[in-house]
Amino acid sequence: MHLRSISLKGFKSFPDRTRLEFTPGVSVVVGPNGSGKSNITDAVLWALGEQSPLAVRGQSMQDVIFAGAHGVQARSEAEVEVVLDNGDGAVDLPAGEIKRLASLAAASAGIDDAHLAITFVSGERIAELNATFRDRAEPTDVLSFPVDEGAPAAGPRELGDVFIAPDHTVDLREAVVHGVLHLVGMDHETDDGEMLVLQAEILGW
């Protein structure tokens, strides 16, 4: 799996839509000082679900939105699209199917237009997240991190982030739906099975 392309609009120093294409083996971005090289790295981190403003060199997440420049109006939202090439089959689920399942799960809560990030990680990484946020020092299949509704969002609608560990997941399709349903507020541990019933229905669509 490798990074195929990244598209930025309204993100930091990229007010207008800019698309960068990468081929296997490309691992660096070069350019003069002030050309926005570090902003590209920040954009990838942000699109993959980074929650800390400091990690993307800001004081708050509002700082990722283009603030304006001489003759260029400030933008009201930021958008980053990262395309990963799974040609080597590292994740055994087509990108189109991931998007379809995520859209169905969000739509089940009446949400038709929103941003969320689904990231596939190693067992080691998901164990770190599990230990940090759930005090469970062990790997799991899927973790969801909804956006704090009280925090400012750098975009029109931000649901949050889903992390999936393929090596610890029996069914990747189920993990995608499960993770997104948690983002929209459902919880199978407290809803008397409602979420799991809906999850089974979505997987049958």
N, C-alpha and C. Protein backbone atom coordinates (compact mmCIF):
# COMPACT_ATOMS: atom_id res chain seq x y z
N MET A 1 0.84 -1.19 0.00
CA MET A 1 0.00 0.00 0.00
C MET A 1 0.88 1.24 0.00
N HIS A 2 0.50 2.23 -0.81
CA HIS A 2 1.26 3.47 -0.82
C HIS A 2 0.34 4.67 -1.06
N LEU A 3 0.82 5.84 -0.74
CA LEU A 3 0.08 7.07 -0.97
C LEU A 3 0.06 7.38 -2.46
N ARG A 4 -1.14 7.41 -3.05
CA ARG A 4 -1.26 7.67 -4.48
C ARG A 4 -1.40 9.16 -4.77
N SER A 5 -2.22 9.84 -3.97
CA SER A 5 -2.42 11.27 -4.22
C SER A 5 -2.98 11.94 -2.99
N ILE A 6 -2.83 13.24 -2.96
CA ILE A 6 -3.44 14.06 -1.91
C ILE A 6 -4.00 15.32 -2.55
N SER A 7 -5.22 15.67 -2.18
CA SER A 7 -5.88 16.85 -2.70
C SER A 7 -6.21 17.78 -1.53
N LEU A 8 -5.81 19.04 -1.64
CA LEU A 8 -6.01 20.02 -0.56
C LEU A 8 -6.81 21.21 -1.07
N LYS A 9 -7.70 21.70 -0.25
CA LYS A 9 -8.46 22.91 -0.59
C LYS A 9 -8.78 23.64 0.71
N GLY A 10 -8.30 24.87 0.83
CA GLY A 10 -8.56 25.65 2.03
C GLY A 10 -7.73 25.23 3.22
N PHE A 11 -6.76 24.36 2.99
CA PHE A 11 -5.93 23.87 4.08
C PHE A 11 -4.62 24.65 4.14
N LYS A 12 -4.41 25.36 5.23
CA LYS A 12 -3.19 26.13 5.46
C LYS A 12 -2.83 26.99 4.26
N SER A 13 -1.70 26.72 3.59
CA SER A 13 -1.23 27.59 2.51
C SER A 13 -1.79 27.21 1.14
N PHE A 14 -2.87 26.39 1.11
CA PHE A 14 -3.45 25.94 -0.15
C PHE A 14 -4.90 26.41 -0.24
N PRO A 15 -5.14 27.68 -0.60
CA PRO A 15 -6.51 28.20 -0.64
C PRO A 15 -7.36 27.54 -1.72
N ASP A 16 -6.76 27.27 -2.87
CA ASP A 16 -7.48 26.65 -3.99
C ASP A 16 -7.12 25.18 -4.07
N ARG A 17 -7.99 24.41 -4.72
CA ARG A 17 -7.76 22.97 -4.79
C ARG A 17 -6.43 22.66 -5.48
N THR A 18 -5.61 21.90 -4.80
CA THR A 18 -4.31 21.49 -5.31
C THR A 18 -4.19 19.98 -5.16
N ARG A 19 -3.81 19.30 -6.23
CA ARG A 19 -3.70 17.84 -6.20
C ARG A 19 -2.26 17.43 -6.49
N LEU A 20 -1.72 16.59 -5.64
CA LEU A 20 -0.36 16.07 -5.81
C LEU A 20 -0.43 14.56 -6.04
N GLU A 21 0.24 14.09 -7.07
CA GLU A 21 0.26 12.67 -7.40
C GLU A 21 1.60 12.06 -6.97
N PHE A 22 1.54 10.85 -6.42
CA PHE A 22 2.75 10.16 -5.98
C PHE A 22 2.82 8.78 -6.63
N THR A 23 4.01 8.34 -6.91
CA THR A 23 4.22 6.99 -7.42
C THR A 23 4.99 6.19 -6.38
N PRO A 24 4.92 4.87 -6.43
CA PRO A 24 5.66 4.07 -5.44
C PRO A 24 7.14 4.46 -5.42
N GLY A 25 7.67 4.64 -4.22
CA GLY A 25 9.08 5.00 -4.08
C GLY A 25 9.30 6.46 -3.76
N VAL A 26 8.28 7.31 -4.00
CA VAL A 26 8.40 8.73 -3.65
C VAL A 26 8.23 8.87 -2.14
N SER A 27 9.24 9.39 -1.48
CA SER A 27 9.18 9.48 -0.02
C SER A 27 9.50 10.86 0.51
N VAL A 28 9.83 11.80 -0.37
CA VAL A 28 10.16 13.15 0.10
C VAL A 28 9.48 14.18 -0.81
N VAL A 29 9.25 15.36 -0.25
CA VAL A 29 8.75 16.51 -1.01
C VAL A 29 9.78 17.61 -0.84
N VAL A 30 10.29 18.13 -1.95
CA VAL A 30 11.33 19.16 -1.88
C VAL A 30 10.80 20.47 -2.44
N GLY A 31 11.38 21.57 -1.98
CA GLY A 31 10.98 22.89 -2.45
C GLY A 31 11.63 23.95 -1.61
N PRO A 32 11.55 25.20 -2.04
CA PRO A 32 12.19 26.29 -1.30
C PRO A 32 11.47 26.56 0.02
N ASN A 33 12.12 27.31 0.88
CA ASN A 33 11.50 27.69 2.15
C ASN A 33 10.20 28.44 1.91
N GLY A 34 9.19 28.10 2.67
CA GLY A 34 7.91 28.79 2.56
C GLY A 34 7.00 28.27 1.46
N SER A 35 7.37 27.18 0.80
CA SER A 35 6.56 26.67 -0.31
C SER A 35 5.42 25.76 0.14
N GLY A 36 5.39 25.42 1.43
CA GLY A 36 4.28 24.62 1.93
C GLY A 36 4.58 23.14 2.08
N LYS A 37 5.86 22.76 2.09
CA LYS A 37 6.22 21.34 2.19
C LYS A 37 5.66 20.72 3.47
N SER A 38 5.90 21.39 4.59
CA SER A 38 5.44 20.84 5.88
C SER A 38 3.92 20.79 5.96
N ASN A 39 3.25 21.69 5.25
CA ASN A 39 1.79 21.70 5.26
C ASN A 39 1.22 20.45 4.61
N ILE A 40 1.96 19.89 3.65
CA ILE A 40 1.52 18.65 3.02
C ILE A 40 1.54 17.51 4.03
N THR A 41 2.61 17.44 4.80
CA THR A 41 2.70 16.42 5.85
C THR A 41 1.59 16.62 6.87
N ASP A 42 1.35 17.87 7.26
CA ASP A 42 0.27 18.17 8.21
C ASP A 42 -1.08 17.72 7.66
N ALA A 43 -1.27 17.93 6.35
CA ALA A 43 -2.55 17.58 5.72
C ALA A 43 -2.79 16.07 5.78
N VAL A 44 -1.74 15.29 5.55
CA VAL A 44 -1.88 13.83 5.61
C VAL A 44 -2.25 13.41 7.03
N LEU A 45 -1.55 13.95 8.01
CA LEU A 45 -1.85 13.63 9.40
C LEU A 45 -3.29 13.99 9.75
N TRP A 46 -3.70 15.18 9.33
CA TRP A 46 -5.05 15.67 9.64
C TRP A 46 -6.11 14.77 9.00
N ALA A 47 -5.90 14.40 7.74
CA ALA A 47 -6.87 13.56 7.03
C ALA A 47 -6.96 12.17 7.64
N LEU A 48 -5.86 11.71 8.21
CA LEU A 48 -5.85 10.37 8.82
C LEU A 48 -6.31 10.38 10.27
N GLY A 49 -6.78 11.53 10.73
CA GLY A 49 -7.44 11.55 12.03
C GLY A 49 -6.66 12.14 13.18
N GLU A 50 -5.59 12.85 12.92
CA GLU A 50 -4.83 13.46 14.01
C GLU A 50 -5.73 14.39 14.81
N GLN A 51 -5.74 14.23 16.13
CA GLN A 51 -6.63 15.00 17.00
C GLN A 51 -5.95 16.20 17.67
N SER A 52 -4.63 16.20 17.69
CA SER A 52 -3.92 17.26 18.40
C SER A 52 -3.55 18.41 17.47
N PRO A 53 -3.99 19.64 17.77
CA PRO A 53 -3.58 20.79 16.96
C PRO A 53 -2.07 20.97 16.93
N LEU A 54 -1.41 20.66 18.04
CA LEU A 54 0.04 20.82 18.10
C LEU A 54 0.75 19.90 17.11
N ALA A 55 0.17 18.73 16.86
CA ALA A 55 0.80 17.78 15.94
C ALA A 55 0.78 18.29 14.50
N VAL A 56 -0.17 19.17 14.19
CA VAL A 56 -0.22 19.77 12.85
C VAL A 56 0.19 21.24 12.92
N ARG A 57 0.96 21.56 13.96
CA ARG A 57 1.59 22.88 14.12
C ARG A 57 0.56 24.02 14.20
N GLY A 58 -0.42 23.82 15.08
CA GLY A 58 -1.41 24.86 15.31
C GLY A 58 -1.75 24.97 16.78
N GLN A 59 -2.44 26.02 17.14
CA GLN A 59 -2.90 26.19 18.52
C GLN A 59 -4.30 25.61 18.70
N SER A 60 -5.09 25.62 17.62
CA SER A 60 -6.41 25.00 17.61
C SER A 60 -6.63 24.46 16.21
N MET A 61 -7.63 23.60 16.06
CA MET A 61 -7.88 23.02 14.74
C MET A 61 -8.36 24.07 13.73
N GLN A 62 -8.83 25.21 14.20
CA GLN A 62 -9.20 26.28 13.29
C GLN A 62 -7.98 26.79 12.51
N ASP A 63 -6.80 26.58 13.07
CA ASP A 63 -5.59 27.09 12.44
C ASP A 63 -5.23 26.37 11.14
N VAL A 64 -5.87 25.22 10.86
CA VAL A 64 -5.56 24.53 9.60
C VAL A 64 -6.29 25.18 8.42
N ILE A 65 -7.25 26.05 8.69
CA ILE A 65 -8.00 26.70 7.61
C ILE A 65 -7.22 27.91 7.10
N PHE A 66 -7.11 28.03 5.79
CA PHE A 66 -6.40 29.15 5.17
C PHE A 66 -6.94 30.47 5.70
N ALA A 67 -6.05 31.27 6.28
CA ALA A 67 -6.46 32.49 6.98
C ALA A 67 -6.47 33.73 6.10
N GLY A 68 -6.10 33.59 4.82
CA GLY A 68 -6.07 34.73 3.93
C GLY A 68 -4.66 35.24 3.70
N ALA A 69 -4.48 35.93 2.60
CA ALA A 69 -3.18 36.51 2.24
C ALA A 69 -3.45 37.72 1.36
N HIS A 70 -2.39 38.40 0.98
CA HIS A 70 -2.55 39.60 0.15
C HIS A 70 -3.29 39.27 -1.15
N GLY A 71 -4.48 39.82 -1.30
CA GLY A 71 -5.27 39.60 -2.50
C GLY A 71 -6.00 38.27 -2.55
N VAL A 72 -5.92 37.47 -1.49
CA VAL A 72 -6.59 36.17 -1.47
C VAL A 72 -7.46 36.09 -0.21
N GLN A 73 -8.75 35.87 -0.39
CA GLN A 73 -9.69 35.85 0.73
C GLN A 73 -9.50 34.61 1.59
N ALA A 74 -9.71 34.75 2.88
CA ALA A 74 -9.66 33.61 3.80
C ALA A 74 -10.76 32.61 3.44
N ARG A 75 -10.51 31.36 3.75
CA ARG A 75 -11.50 30.31 3.49
C ARG A 75 -12.25 29.98 4.78
N SER A 76 -13.44 29.44 4.62
CA SER A 76 -14.28 29.13 5.79
C SER A 76 -14.16 27.68 6.22
N GLU A 77 -13.55 26.84 5.40
CA GLU A 77 -13.39 25.44 5.75
C GLU A 77 -12.18 24.86 5.05
N ALA A 78 -11.72 23.73 5.57
CA ALA A 78 -10.57 23.04 4.99
C ALA A 78 -11.01 21.64 4.54
N GLU A 79 -10.41 21.20 3.45
CA GLU A 79 -10.74 19.88 2.90
C GLU A 79 -9.46 19.20 2.44
N VAL A 80 -9.26 17.97 2.84
CA VAL A 80 -8.11 17.18 2.40
C VAL A 80 -8.60 15.79 2.03
N GLU A 81 -8.21 15.33 0.86
CA GLU A 81 -8.54 13.97 0.43
C GLU A 81 -7.24 13.21 0.19
N VAL A 82 -7.08 12.10 0.88
CA VAL A 82 -5.90 11.25 0.72
C VAL A 82 -6.34 9.96 0.04
N VAL A 83 -5.67 9.60 -1.05
CA VAL A 83 -5.98 8.37 -1.77
C VAL A 83 -4.81 7.41 -1.60
N LEU A 84 -5.12 6.23 -1.05
CA LEU A 84 -4.12 5.20 -0.86
C LEU A 84 -4.31 4.10 -1.90
N ASP A 85 -3.22 3.63 -2.48
CA ASP A 85 -3.25 2.56 -3.48
C ASP A 85 -3.10 1.23 -2.75
N ASN A 86 -4.15 0.43 -2.82
CA ASN A 86 -4.14 -0.87 -2.15
C ASN A 86 -3.92 -2.00 -3.15
N GLY A 87 -3.18 -1.70 -4.22
CA GLY A 87 -2.96 -2.68 -5.27
C GLY A 87 -2.28 -3.95 -4.80
N ASP A 88 -1.52 -3.86 -3.73
CA ASP A 88 -0.83 -5.05 -3.22
C ASP A 88 -1.72 -5.88 -2.30
N GLY A 89 -2.97 -5.42 -2.10
CA GLY A 89 -3.91 -6.19 -1.29
C GLY A 89 -3.64 -6.16 0.19
N ALA A 90 -2.95 -5.13 0.68
CA ALA A 90 -2.66 -5.03 2.11
C ALA A 90 -3.95 -4.95 2.93
N VAL A 91 -4.96 -4.28 2.37
CA VAL A 91 -6.30 -4.25 2.98
C VAL A 91 -7.26 -4.90 2.01
N ASP A 92 -7.86 -6.00 2.42
CA ASP A 92 -8.68 -6.81 1.51
C ASP A 92 -10.12 -6.27 1.44
N LEU A 93 -10.23 -4.99 1.06
CA LEU A 93 -11.53 -4.36 0.92
C LEU A 93 -11.39 -3.15 0.01
N PRO A 94 -12.10 -3.12 -1.13
CA PRO A 94 -11.97 -1.99 -2.06
C PRO A 94 -12.38 -0.66 -1.43
N ALA A 95 -11.71 0.41 -1.85
CA ALA A 95 -12.01 1.73 -1.31
C ALA A 95 -13.47 2.11 -1.53
N GLY A 96 -14.01 1.75 -2.69
CA GLY A 96 -15.41 2.07 -2.98
C GLY A 96 -16.37 1.41 -2.02
N GLU A 97 -16.06 0.20 -1.60
CA GLU A 97 -16.92 -0.51 -0.66
C GLU A 97 -16.80 0.10 0.73
N ILE A 98 -15.61 0.52 1.12
CA ILE A 98 -15.44 1.21 2.40
C ILE A 98 -16.30 2.46 2.45
N LYS A 99 -16.25 3.25 1.38
CA LYS A 99 -17.03 4.49 1.33
C LYS A 99 -18.52 4.20 1.35
N ARG A 100 -18.95 3.17 0.60
CA ARG A 100 -20.38 2.83 0.55
C ARG A 100 -20.88 2.42 1.94
N LEU A 101 -20.14 1.57 2.61
CA LEU A 101 -20.56 1.10 3.93
C LEU A 101 -20.58 2.24 4.95
N ALA A 102 -19.56 3.10 4.88
CA ALA A 102 -19.51 4.23 5.81
C ALA A 102 -20.69 5.17 5.56
N SER A 103 -21.02 5.40 4.30
CA SER A 103 -22.14 6.28 3.95
C SER A 103 -23.46 5.69 4.44
N LEU A 104 -23.65 4.38 4.27
CA LEU A 104 -24.88 3.73 4.73
C LEU A 104 -25.01 3.83 6.25
N ALA A 105 -23.91 3.59 6.95
CA ALA A 105 -23.96 3.65 8.41
C ALA A 105 -24.28 5.05 8.90
N ALA A 106 -23.67 6.07 8.27
CA ALA A 106 -23.96 7.45 8.66
C ALA A 106 -25.39 7.83 8.31
N ALA A 107 -25.85 7.40 7.14
CA ALA A 107 -27.21 7.73 6.70
C ALA A 107 -28.26 7.10 7.62
N SER A 108 -27.92 5.99 8.26
CA SER A 108 -28.87 5.36 9.17
C SER A 108 -29.20 6.25 10.36
N ALA A 109 -28.32 7.24 10.61
CA ALA A 109 -28.56 8.21 11.69
C ALA A 109 -29.03 9.54 11.13
N GLY A 110 -29.41 9.55 9.85
CA GLY A 110 -29.90 10.77 9.22
C GLY A 110 -28.82 11.73 8.79
N ILE A 111 -27.58 11.23 8.67
CA ILE A 111 -26.45 12.08 8.28
C ILE A 111 -26.05 11.74 6.85
N ASP A 112 -26.30 12.66 5.93
CA ASP A 112 -26.03 12.41 4.53
C ASP A 112 -24.79 13.13 4.00
N ASP A 113 -24.26 14.09 4.76
CA ASP A 113 -23.11 14.87 4.28
C ASP A 113 -22.21 15.15 5.46
N ALA A 114 -21.10 14.41 5.56
CA ALA A 114 -20.22 14.58 6.70
C ALA A 114 -18.83 14.09 6.35
N HIS A 115 -17.87 14.47 7.16
CA HIS A 115 -16.49 14.01 7.02
C HIS A 115 -16.17 13.04 8.14
N LEU A 116 -15.45 11.98 7.79
CA LEU A 116 -14.92 11.07 8.79
C LEU A 116 -13.68 10.43 8.20
N ALA A 117 -12.85 9.87 9.07
CA ALA A 117 -11.63 9.21 8.61
C ALA A 117 -11.64 7.76 9.07
N ILE A 118 -11.33 6.85 8.16
CA ILE A 118 -11.17 5.44 8.48
C ILE A 118 -9.73 5.08 8.19
N THR A 119 -9.01 4.66 9.22
CA THR A 119 -7.59 4.38 9.10
C THR A 119 -7.30 2.94 9.48
N PHE A 120 -6.55 2.24 8.64
CA PHE A 120 -6.15 0.87 8.92
C PHE A 120 -4.76 0.90 9.55
N VAL A 121 -4.64 0.29 10.70
CA VAL A 121 -3.40 0.37 11.48
C VAL A 121 -2.95 -1.03 11.89
N SER A 122 -1.72 -1.09 12.39
CA SER A 122 -1.17 -2.35 12.87
C SER A 122 -1.75 -2.72 14.23
N GLY A 123 -1.58 -3.98 14.60
CA GLY A 123 -2.02 -4.41 15.91
C GLY A 123 -1.32 -3.65 17.02
N GLU A 124 -0.06 -3.33 16.79
CA GLU A 124 0.71 -2.58 17.79
C GLU A 124 0.14 -1.19 17.99
N ARG A 125 -0.21 -0.53 16.89
CA ARG A 125 -0.75 0.83 16.98
C ARG A 125 -2.11 0.85 17.65
N ILE A 126 -2.97 -0.10 17.31
CA ILE A 126 -4.31 -0.07 17.92
C ILE A 126 -4.23 -0.44 19.39
N ALA A 127 -3.23 -1.26 19.77
CA ALA A 127 -3.02 -1.56 21.19
C ALA A 127 -2.61 -0.30 21.94
N GLU A 128 -1.77 0.53 21.31
CA GLU A 128 -1.37 1.80 21.93
C GLU A 128 -2.58 2.70 22.15
N LEU A 129 -3.43 2.81 21.13
CA LEU A 129 -4.63 3.63 21.24
C LEU A 129 -5.57 3.08 22.31
N ASN A 130 -5.70 1.77 22.34
CA ASN A 130 -6.57 1.13 23.32
C ASN A 130 -6.08 1.38 24.74
N ALA A 131 -4.77 1.34 24.92
CA ALA A 131 -4.20 1.59 26.25
C ALA A 131 -4.35 3.04 26.65
N THR A 132 -4.14 3.95 25.69
CA THR A 132 -4.18 5.38 25.99
C THR A 132 -5.60 5.87 26.30
N PHE A 133 -6.57 5.41 25.51
CA PHE A 133 -7.91 5.97 25.62
C PHE A 133 -8.92 5.08 26.33
N ARG A 134 -8.58 3.77 26.49
CA ARG A 134 -9.54 2.88 27.16
C ARG A 134 -8.92 2.10 28.32
N ASP A 135 -7.63 2.39 28.60
CA ASP A 135 -6.93 1.72 29.69
C ASP A 135 -6.93 0.20 29.52
N ARG A 136 -6.87 -0.25 28.28
CA ARG A 136 -6.79 -1.68 28.00
C ARG A 136 -5.55 -1.93 27.15
N ALA A 137 -4.53 -2.49 27.76
CA ALA A 137 -3.24 -2.66 27.08
C ALA A 137 -3.24 -3.93 26.24
N GLU A 138 -4.10 -3.92 25.21
CA GLU A 138 -4.20 -5.07 24.32
C GLU A 138 -4.78 -4.62 22.98
N PRO A 139 -4.47 -5.35 21.92
CA PRO A 139 -5.04 -4.99 20.62
C PRO A 139 -6.53 -5.31 20.57
N THR A 140 -7.24 -4.63 19.68
CA THR A 140 -8.65 -4.89 19.45
C THR A 140 -8.91 -4.76 17.96
N ASP A 141 -10.13 -4.95 17.51
CA ASP A 141 -10.39 -4.91 16.08
C ASP A 141 -10.66 -3.50 15.57
N VAL A 142 -11.47 -2.73 16.31
CA VAL A 142 -11.86 -1.40 15.83
C VAL A 142 -12.07 -0.45 17.00
N LEU A 143 -11.64 0.80 16.82
CA LEU A 143 -11.86 1.86 17.81
C LEU A 143 -12.44 3.07 17.10
N SER A 144 -13.36 3.74 17.76
CA SER A 144 -13.98 4.95 17.21
C SER A 144 -13.76 6.12 18.15
N PHE A 145 -13.47 7.28 17.55
CA PHE A 145 -13.24 8.49 18.33
C PHE A 145 -14.10 9.61 17.75
N PRO A 146 -15.32 9.78 18.28
CA PRO A 146 -16.19 10.86 17.80
C PRO A 146 -15.57 12.22 18.10
N VAL A 147 -15.87 13.20 17.26
CA VAL A 147 -15.42 14.57 17.50
C VAL A 147 -16.21 15.14 18.66
N ASP A 148 -15.52 15.85 19.54
CA ASP A 148 -16.17 16.53 20.65
C ASP A 148 -17.08 17.61 20.09
N GLU A 149 -18.38 17.49 20.31
CA GLU A 149 -19.34 18.43 19.73
C GLU A 149 -19.14 19.85 20.24
N GLY A 150 -18.46 19.99 21.35
CA GLY A 150 -18.25 21.32 21.89
C GLY A 150 -17.02 22.01 21.34
N ALA A 151 -16.24 21.29 20.55
CA ALA A 151 -15.00 21.84 20.01
C ALA A 151 -15.24 22.40 18.62
N PRO A 152 -14.48 23.42 18.21
CA PRO A 152 -14.64 23.96 16.85
C PRO A 152 -14.19 22.94 15.83
N ALA A 153 -14.90 22.85 14.72
CA ALA A 153 -14.58 21.88 13.67
C ALA A 153 -14.05 22.60 12.45
N ALA A 154 -12.99 22.06 11.84
CA ALA A 154 -12.40 22.67 10.66
C ALA A 154 -13.08 22.16 9.41
N GLY A 155 -14.37 22.35 9.32
CA GLY A 155 -15.13 21.88 8.18
C GLY A 155 -16.61 21.89 8.51
N PRO A 156 -17.47 21.60 7.54
CA PRO A 156 -18.91 21.70 7.77
C PRO A 156 -19.44 20.69 8.78
N ARG A 157 -19.06 19.42 8.66
CA ARG A 157 -19.53 18.40 9.59
C ARG A 157 -18.41 17.39 9.78
N GLU A 158 -17.98 17.22 10.98
CA GLU A 158 -16.91 16.28 11.29
C GLU A 158 -17.45 15.24 12.28
N LEU A 159 -17.45 13.98 11.86
CA LEU A 159 -17.95 12.92 12.74
C LEU A 159 -16.85 12.37 13.64
N GLY A 160 -15.64 12.24 13.10
CA GLY A 160 -14.56 11.71 13.91
C GLY A 160 -13.73 10.69 13.15
N ASP A 161 -13.14 9.75 13.89
CA ASP A 161 -12.17 8.83 13.30
C ASP A 161 -12.43 7.40 13.73
N VAL A 162 -12.23 6.49 12.77
CA VAL A 162 -12.32 5.06 13.03
C VAL A 162 -10.97 4.44 12.72
N PHE A 163 -10.45 3.64 13.65
CA PHE A 163 -9.20 2.93 13.46
C PHE A 163 -9.50 1.43 13.45
N ILE A 164 -9.01 0.75 12.42
CA ILE A 164 -9.26 -0.69 12.27
C ILE A 164 -7.92 -1.42 12.13
N ALA A 165 -7.78 -2.52 12.86
CA ALA A 165 -6.58 -3.36 12.76
C ALA A 165 -6.94 -4.62 11.98
N PRO A 166 -6.60 -4.69 10.69
CA PRO A 166 -6.98 -5.85 9.88
C PRO A 166 -6.51 -7.18 10.46
N ASP A 167 -5.34 -7.21 11.08
CA ASP A 167 -4.82 -8.46 11.64
C ASP A 167 -5.64 -8.97 12.82
N HIS A 168 -6.48 -8.11 13.38
CA HIS A 168 -7.29 -8.51 14.53
C HIS A 168 -8.78 -8.42 14.20
N THR A 169 -9.10 -8.41 12.91
CA THR A 169 -10.49 -8.25 12.47
C THR A 169 -10.90 -9.45 11.62
N VAL A 170 -12.00 -10.07 11.99
CA VAL A 170 -12.51 -11.21 11.22
C VAL A 170 -13.18 -10.74 9.94
N ASP A 171 -13.95 -9.65 10.03
CA ASP A 171 -14.73 -9.14 8.89
C ASP A 171 -14.49 -7.64 8.79
N LEU A 172 -13.74 -7.20 7.76
CA LEU A 172 -13.44 -5.78 7.61
C LEU A 172 -14.69 -4.96 7.32
N ARG A 173 -15.64 -5.52 6.56
CA ARG A 173 -16.87 -4.81 6.26
C ARG A 173 -17.64 -4.52 7.55
N GLU A 174 -17.71 -5.51 8.41
CA GLU A 174 -18.39 -5.33 9.68
C GLU A 174 -17.69 -4.29 10.55
N ALA A 175 -16.36 -4.31 10.52
CA ALA A 175 -15.60 -3.35 11.33
C ALA A 175 -15.86 -1.92 10.89
N VAL A 176 -15.96 -1.70 9.57
CA VAL A 176 -16.24 -0.35 9.05
C VAL A 176 -17.60 0.14 9.55
N VAL A 177 -18.62 -0.69 9.36
CA VAL A 177 -19.97 -0.31 9.79
C VAL A 177 -20.02 -0.11 11.30
N HIS A 178 -19.42 -1.02 12.03
CA HIS A 178 -19.40 -0.95 13.50
C HIS A 178 -18.76 0.36 13.97
N GLY A 179 -17.63 0.69 13.38
CA GLY A 179 -16.92 1.91 13.77
C GLY A 179 -17.71 3.17 13.50
N VAL A 180 -18.35 3.24 12.33
CA VAL A 180 -19.10 4.45 11.98
C VAL A 180 -20.38 4.56 12.82
N LEU A 181 -21.01 3.45 13.11
CA LEU A 181 -22.20 3.52 13.97
C LEU A 181 -21.85 4.08 15.35
N HIS A 182 -20.67 3.75 15.84
CA HIS A 182 -20.25 4.35 17.11
C HIS A 182 -20.04 5.86 16.95
N LEU A 183 -19.53 6.29 15.80
CA LEU A 183 -19.31 7.72 15.57
C LEU A 183 -20.61 8.50 15.62
N VAL A 184 -21.70 7.88 15.15
CA VAL A 184 -22.98 8.61 15.10
C VAL A 184 -23.77 8.47 16.39
N GLY A 185 -23.14 7.89 17.43
CA GLY A 185 -23.76 7.91 18.74
C GLY A 185 -24.34 6.60 19.25
N MET A 186 -24.22 5.52 18.48
CA MET A 186 -24.77 4.25 18.94
C MET A 186 -23.74 3.53 19.80
N ASP A 187 -24.21 2.64 20.68
CA ASP A 187 -23.32 1.90 21.57
C ASP A 187 -23.95 0.55 21.87
N HIS A 188 -23.37 -0.51 21.32
CA HIS A 188 -23.96 -1.84 21.48
C HIS A 188 -23.90 -2.35 22.92
N GLU A 189 -23.10 -1.70 23.76
CA GLU A 189 -22.99 -2.13 25.15
C GLU A 189 -24.11 -1.57 26.02
N THR A 190 -24.86 -0.59 25.51
CA THR A 190 -25.89 0.05 26.34
C THR A 190 -27.26 0.13 25.67
N ASP A 191 -27.38 -0.34 24.42
CA ASP A 191 -28.65 -0.13 23.70
C ASP A 191 -29.48 -1.39 23.51
N ASP A 192 -29.22 -2.42 24.32
CA ASP A 192 -30.01 -3.66 24.26
C ASP A 192 -30.00 -4.31 22.89
N GLY A 193 -28.87 -4.20 22.19
CA GLY A 193 -28.72 -4.91 20.92
C GLY A 193 -29.17 -4.14 19.69
N GLU A 194 -29.70 -2.92 19.86
CA GLU A 194 -30.21 -2.15 18.72
C GLU A 194 -29.13 -1.91 17.66
N MET A 195 -27.93 -1.56 18.11
CA MET A 195 -26.85 -1.27 17.17
C MET A 195 -26.47 -2.50 16.37
N LEU A 196 -26.37 -3.64 17.02
CA LEU A 196 -25.96 -4.86 16.33
C LEU A 196 -27.00 -5.33 15.32
N VAL A 197 -28.28 -5.10 15.64
CA VAL A 197 -29.34 -5.43 14.68
C VAL A 197 -29.23 -4.54 13.45
N LEU A 198 -29.03 -3.24 13.66
CA LEU A 198 -28.87 -2.31 12.54
C LEU A 198 -27.62 -2.65 11.74
N GLN A 199 -26.55 -2.97 12.43
CA GLN A 199 -25.29 -3.34 11.76
C GLN A 199 -25.51 -4.53 10.82
N ALA A 200 -26.23 -5.54 11.27
CA ALA A 200 -26.52 -6.72 10.44
C ALA A 200 -27.36 -6.34 9.23
N GLU A 201 -28.31 -5.42 9.42
CA GLU A 201 -29.15 -4.98 8.30
C GLU A 201 -28.31 -4.27 7.24
N ILE A 202 -27.43 -3.36 7.69
CA ILE A 202 -26.60 -2.61 6.75
C ILE A 202 -25.70 -3.53 5.97
N LEU A 203 -25.13 -4.52 6.62
CA LEU A 203 -24.24 -5.46 5.94
C LEU A 203 -24.98 -6.30 4.90
N GLY A 204 -26.29 -6.36 5.02
CA GLY A 204 -27.09 -7.11 4.05
C GLY A 204 -27.53 -6.27 2.86
N TRP A 205 -27.26 -4.96 2.91
CA TRP A 205 -27.69 -4.07 1.82
C TRP A 205 -26.68 -4.09 0.69
